[in-house]
Amino acid sequence: MNGCDVEPTQLLIFYHHSSYCSAAALQRDLAAVCGWITHVLPCSAAGSDSKAASLHWTAERVLSIALLALGPVAYFSPGPFIDYSLAAALTLHGHWGLGQVLTDYVHGDTKVKLASAGLFVLSTVTFAGLCYFNYNDVGICNAIALLYSK
């Protein structure tokens, strides 16, 4: 086979989280160590953009963990604070998730702008609808409890 004991996917993950900003330098090093060259994507961002992307990635994970914690909290102590926290967290989680889908599948400047505007409208309407439901009806926590009460 070759002299390298790591998989290409591991190398791409390493490249993504490393300080390499030159695809050519990484390919040269891979060829020297592993005996083969893999397709390497160019460095997407440097400096503050890279830091912002890292912070966004961390925020997505923190939000996911917070949503896991909000489930039991909503069950054991439902109330307006938890209802509105769920409304915000669910909307943001959906917005970020659909944003990643758009990033992966929508191409072209005009299409990206239209899709981003549509996502913003969808997220705004979702949050407003959940807040309206919390204020004028039983709220998210009690609505979920009612689903399981019968």
C-alpha atoms as a PDB file:
ATOM      1  CA  MET A   1       0.000   0.000   0.000  1.00  0.00           C
ATOM      2  CA  ASN A   2       1.683   3.269   1.099  1.00  0.00           C
ATOM      3  CA  GLY A   3       3.812   4.456   3.981  1.00  0.00           C
ATOM      4  CA  CYS A   4       1.028   6.478   5.597  1.00  0.00           C
ATOM      5  CA  ASP A   5      -1.155   4.988   8.323  1.00  0.00           C
ATOM      6  CA  VAL A   6      -3.954   7.585   8.242  1.00  0.00           C
ATOM      7  CA  GLU A   7      -7.023   7.740   6.053  1.00  0.00           C
ATOM      8  CA  PRO A   8      -7.549  10.589   3.552  1.00  0.00           C
ATOM      9  CA  THR A   9     -10.584  11.773   5.527  1.00  0.00           C
ATOM     10  CA  GLN A  10      -8.424  12.126   8.622  1.00  0.00           C
ATOM     11  CA  LEU A  11      -5.982  14.188   6.595  1.00  0.00           C
ATOM     12  CA  LEU A  12      -8.739  16.496   5.375  1.00  0.00           C
ATOM     13  CA  ILE A  13      -9.971  16.956   8.939  1.00  0.00           C
ATOM     14  CA  PHE A  14      -6.398  17.648  10.039  1.00  0.00           C
ATOM     15  CA  TYR A  15      -6.018  20.180   7.229  1.00  0.00           C
ATOM     16  CA  HIS A  16      -9.281  21.894   8.167  1.00  0.00           C
ATOM     17  CA  HIS A  17      -8.207  22.295  11.812  1.00  0.00           C
ATOM     18  CA  SER A  18      -4.538  23.012  11.152  1.00  0.00           C
ATOM     19  CA  SER A  19      -2.586  26.158  10.455  1.00  0.00           C
ATOM     20  CA  TYR A  20      -1.839  25.088   6.862  1.00  0.00           C
ATOM     21  CA  CYS A  21      -3.071  27.820   4.526  1.00  0.00           C
ATOM     22  CA  SER A  22      -1.261  26.535   1.466  1.00  0.00           C
ATOM     23  CA  ALA A  23      -2.791  23.546  -0.260  1.00  0.00           C
ATOM     24  CA  ALA A  24       0.413  23.141  -2.267  1.00  0.00           C
ATOM     25  CA  ALA A  25       2.514  22.933   0.913  1.00  0.00           C
ATOM     26  CA  LEU A  26       0.181  20.338   2.401  1.00  0.00           C
ATOM     27  CA  GLN A  27       0.209  18.287  -0.813  1.00  0.00           C
ATOM     28  CA  ARG A  28       4.017  18.418  -0.888  1.00  0.00           C
ATOM     29  CA  ASP A  29       4.210  17.227   2.732  1.00  0.00           C
ATOM     30  CA  LEU A  30       1.659  14.452   2.139  1.00  0.00           C
ATOM     31  CA  ALA A  31       3.558  13.265  -0.920  1.00  0.00           C
ATOM     32  CA  ALA A  32       6.800  13.157   1.077  1.00  0.00           C
ATOM     33  CA  VAL A  33       5.321  11.332   4.075  1.00  0.00           C
ATOM     34  CA  CYS A  34       2.646   9.125   2.552  1.00  0.00           C
ATOM     35  CA  GLY A  35       3.867   8.603  -0.972  1.00  0.00           C
ATOM     36  CA  TRP A  36       0.630   9.845  -2.519  1.00  0.00           C
ATOM     37  CA  ILE A  37      -1.093  13.144  -3.141  1.00  0.00           C
ATOM     38  CA  THR A  38      -4.721  13.698  -2.269  1.00  0.00           C
ATOM     39  CA  HIS A  39      -6.980  16.479  -3.444  1.00  0.00           C
ATOM     40  CA  VAL A  40      -6.707  19.276  -0.905  1.00  0.00           C
ATOM     41  CA  LEU A  41      -9.138  22.149  -0.680  1.00  0.00           C
ATOM     42  CA  PRO A  42      -7.609  25.609  -0.339  1.00  0.00           C
ATOM     43  CA  CYS A  43      -7.625  27.402   2.976  1.00  0.00           C
ATOM     44  CA  SER A  44     -11.083  28.947   3.246  1.00  0.00           C
ATOM     45  CA  ALA A  45     -10.240  31.707   5.657  1.00  0.00           C
ATOM     46  CA  ALA A  46      -7.340  33.147   7.521  1.00  0.00           C
ATOM     47  CA  GLY A  47      -7.040  35.154  10.687  1.00  0.00           C
ATOM     48  CA  SER A  48     -10.252  36.623  12.070  1.00  0.00           C
ATOM     49  CA  ASP A  49     -12.504  34.773   9.587  1.00  0.00           C
ATOM     50  CA  SER A  50     -11.066  31.483  10.796  1.00  0.00           C
ATOM     51  CA  LYS A  51     -11.623  32.540  14.407  1.00  0.00           C
ATOM     52  CA  ALA A  52     -15.224  33.539  13.639  1.00  0.00           C
ATOM     53  CA  ALA A  53     -15.864  30.186  11.964  1.00  0.00           C
ATOM     54  CA  SER A  54     -14.432  28.389  14.980  1.00  0.00           C
ATOM     55  CA  LEU A  55     -16.599  30.407  17.367  1.00  0.00           C
ATOM     56  CA  HIS A  56     -19.672  29.725  15.223  1.00  0.00           C
ATOM     57  CA  TRP A  57     -18.916  25.993  15.244  1.00  0.00           C
ATOM     58  CA  THR A  58     -18.566  26.095  19.036  1.00  0.00           C
ATOM     59  CA  ALA A  59     -21.804  28.072  19.398  1.00  0.00           C
ATOM     60  CA  GLU A  60     -23.665  25.477  17.320  1.00  0.00           C
ATOM     61  CA  ARG A  61     -22.455  22.696  19.637  1.00  0.00           C
ATOM     62  CA  VAL A  62     -23.286  24.671  22.780  1.00  0.00           C
ATOM     63  CA  LEU A  63     -26.791  25.355  21.452  1.00  0.00           C
ATOM     64  CA  SER A  64     -27.313  21.660  20.691  1.00  0.00           C
ATOM     65  CA  ILE A  65     -26.293  20.717  24.226  1.00  0.00           C
ATOM     66  CA  ALA A  66     -28.518  23.475  25.638  1.00  0.00           C
ATOM     67  CA  LEU A  67     -31.460  22.054  23.682  1.00  0.00           C
ATOM     68  CA  LEU A  68     -30.781  18.638  25.203  1.00  0.00           C
ATOM     69  CA  ALA A  69     -30.839  20.222  28.656  1.00  0.00           C
ATOM     70  CA  LEU A  70     -33.981  22.251  27.934  1.00  0.00           C
ATOM     71  CA  GLY A  71     -36.018  19.077  27.347  1.00  0.00           C
ATOM     72  CA  PRO A  72     -35.997  17.813  30.943  1.00  0.00           C
ATOM     73  CA  VAL A  73     -36.154  21.369  32.320  1.00  0.00           C
ATOM     74  CA  ALA A  74     -39.265  22.026  30.226  1.00  0.00           C
ATOM     75  CA  TYR A  75     -40.857  18.842  31.527  1.00  0.00           C
ATOM     76  CA  PHE A  76     -40.140  19.399  35.221  1.00  0.00           C
ATOM     77  CA  SER A  77     -40.616  23.162  35.433  1.00  0.00           C
ATOM     78  CA  PRO A  78     -42.643  24.549  32.521  1.00  0.00           C
ATOM     79  CA  GLY A  79     -43.145  28.281  32.396  1.00  0.00           C
ATOM     80  CA  PRO A  80     -42.876  31.371  30.226  1.00  0.00           C
ATOM     81  CA  PHE A  81     -39.096  31.677  30.573  1.00  0.00           C
ATOM     82  CA  ILE A  82     -38.567  28.114  29.352  1.00  0.00           C
ATOM     83  CA  ASP A  83     -41.187  28.557  26.605  1.00  0.00           C
ATOM     84  CA  TYR A  84     -39.449  31.616  25.183  1.00  0.00           C
ATOM     85  CA  SER A  85     -36.021  30.030  25.637  1.00  0.00           C
ATOM     86  CA  LEU A  86     -37.213  27.044  23.614  1.00  0.00           C
ATOM     87  CA  ALA A  87     -38.672  29.348  20.964  1.00  0.00           C
ATOM     88  CA  ALA A  88     -35.350  31.149  20.565  1.00  0.00           C
ATOM     89  CA  ALA A  89     -33.173  28.023  20.749  1.00  0.00           C
ATOM     90  CA  LEU A  90     -35.293  25.973  18.333  1.00  0.00           C
ATOM     91  CA  THR A  91     -35.463  28.832  15.842  1.00  0.00           C
ATOM     92  CA  LEU A  92     -31.723  29.479  15.985  1.00  0.00           C
ATOM     93  CA  HIS A  93     -30.944  25.761  15.730  1.00  0.00           C
ATOM     94  CA  GLY A  94     -33.171  25.457  12.660  1.00  0.00           C
ATOM     95  CA  HIS A  95     -31.759  28.635  11.126  1.00  0.00           C
ATOM     96  CA  TRP A  96     -28.162  27.454  11.470  1.00  0.00           C
ATOM     97  CA  GLY A  97     -29.007  23.962  10.237  1.00  0.00           C
ATOM     98  CA  LEU A  98     -30.865  25.158   7.156  1.00  0.00           C
ATOM     99  CA  GLY A  99     -28.095  27.693   6.570  1.00  0.00           C
ATOM    100  CA  GLN A 100     -25.646  24.801   6.276  1.00  0.00           C
ATOM    101  CA  VAL A 101     -27.954  23.052   3.815  1.00  0.00           C
ATOM    102  CA  LEU A 102     -28.068  26.238   1.728  1.00  0.00           C
ATOM    103  CA  THR A 103     -24.280  26.534   1.876  1.00  0.00           C
ATOM    104  CA  ASP A 104     -23.907  22.979   0.600  1.00  0.00           C
ATOM    105  CA  TYR A 105     -26.568  22.951  -2.117  1.00  0.00           C
ATOM    106  CA  VAL A 106     -27.245  26.500  -3.353  1.00  0.00           C
ATOM    107  CA  HIS A 107     -24.729  27.965  -5.785  1.00  0.00           C
ATOM    108  CA  GLY A 108     -24.552  31.242  -7.669  1.00  0.00           C
ATOM    109  CA  ASP A 109     -24.628  34.735  -6.186  1.00  0.00           C
ATOM    110  CA  THR A 110     -28.266  35.510  -6.981  1.00  0.00           C
ATOM    111  CA  LYS A 111     -29.538  32.133  -5.789  1.00  0.00           C
ATOM    112  CA  VAL A 112     -27.525  32.370  -2.571  1.00  0.00           C
ATOM    113  CA  LYS A 113     -28.900  35.853  -1.844  1.00  0.00           C
ATOM    114  CA  LEU A 114     -32.490  34.759  -2.522  1.00  0.00           C
ATOM    115  CA  ALA A 115     -32.106  31.604  -0.443  1.00  0.00           C
ATOM    116  CA  SER A 116     -30.532  33.556   2.430  1.00  0.00           C
ATOM    117  CA  ALA A 117     -33.343  36.113   2.345  1.00  0.00           C
ATOM    118  CA  GLY A 118     -35.909  33.305   2.296  1.00  0.00           C
ATOM    119  CA  LEU A 119     -34.212  31.625   5.245  1.00  0.00           C
ATOM    120  CA  PHE A 120     -34.203  34.901   7.183  1.00  0.00           C
ATOM    121  CA  VAL A 121     -37.934  35.370   6.514  1.00  0.00           C
ATOM    122  CA  LEU A 122     -38.671  31.751   7.477  1.00  0.00           C
ATOM    123  CA  SER A 123     -36.693  32.040  10.715  1.00  0.00           C
ATOM    124  CA  THR A 124     -38.328  35.361  11.603  1.00  0.00           C
ATOM    125  CA  VAL A 125     -41.828  34.000  10.969  1.00  0.00           C
ATOM    126  CA  THR A 126     -41.003  30.834  12.941  1.00  0.00           C
ATOM    127  CA  PHE A 127     -39.785  32.793  15.960  1.00  0.00           C
ATOM    128  CA  ALA A 128     -42.734  35.203  15.792  1.00  0.00           C
ATOM    129  CA  GLY A 129     -45.160  32.283  15.508  1.00  0.00           C
ATOM    130  CA  LEU A 130     -43.659  30.466  18.487  1.00  0.00           C
ATOM    131  CA  CYS A 131     -43.715  33.672  20.560  1.00  0.00           C
ATOM    132  CA  TYR A 132     -47.336  34.268  19.538  1.00  0.00           C
ATOM    133  CA  PHE A 133     -48.165  30.692  20.551  1.00  0.00           C
ATOM    134  CA  ASN A 134     -46.414  31.157  23.901  1.00  0.00           C
ATOM    135  CA  TYR A 135     -48.195  34.449  24.616  1.00  0.00           C
ATOM    136  CA  ASN A 136     -51.712  33.664  23.352  1.00  0.00           C
ATOM    137  CA  ASP A 137     -52.003  29.929  23.933  1.00  0.00           C
ATOM    138  CA  VAL A 138     -50.690  27.282  26.339  1.00  0.00           C
ATOM    139  CA  GLY A 139     -47.003  27.610  25.413  1.00  0.00           C
ATOM    140  CA  ILE A 140     -44.534  25.122  24.014  1.00  0.00           C
ATOM    141  CA  CYS A 141     -43.962  23.171  27.257  1.00  0.00           C
ATOM    142  CA  ASN A 142     -47.643  22.663  28.009  1.00  0.00           C
ATOM    143  CA  ALA A 143     -48.428  21.890  24.355  1.00  0.00           C
ATOM    144  CA  ILE A 144     -45.896  19.061  24.348  1.00  0.00           C
ATOM    145  CA  ALA A 145     -47.240  17.811  27.690  1.00  0.00           C
ATOM    146  CA  LEU A 146     -50.764  17.824  26.227  1.00  0.00           C
ATOM    147  CA  LEU A 147     -49.589  15.616  23.358  1.00  0.00           C
ATOM    148  CA  TYR A 148     -48.670  12.891  25.853  1.00  0.00           C
ATOM    149  CA  SER A 149     -51.531  13.381  28.317  1.00  0.00           C
ATOM    150  CA  LYS A 150     -54.168  11.326  26.517  1.00  0.00           C
END
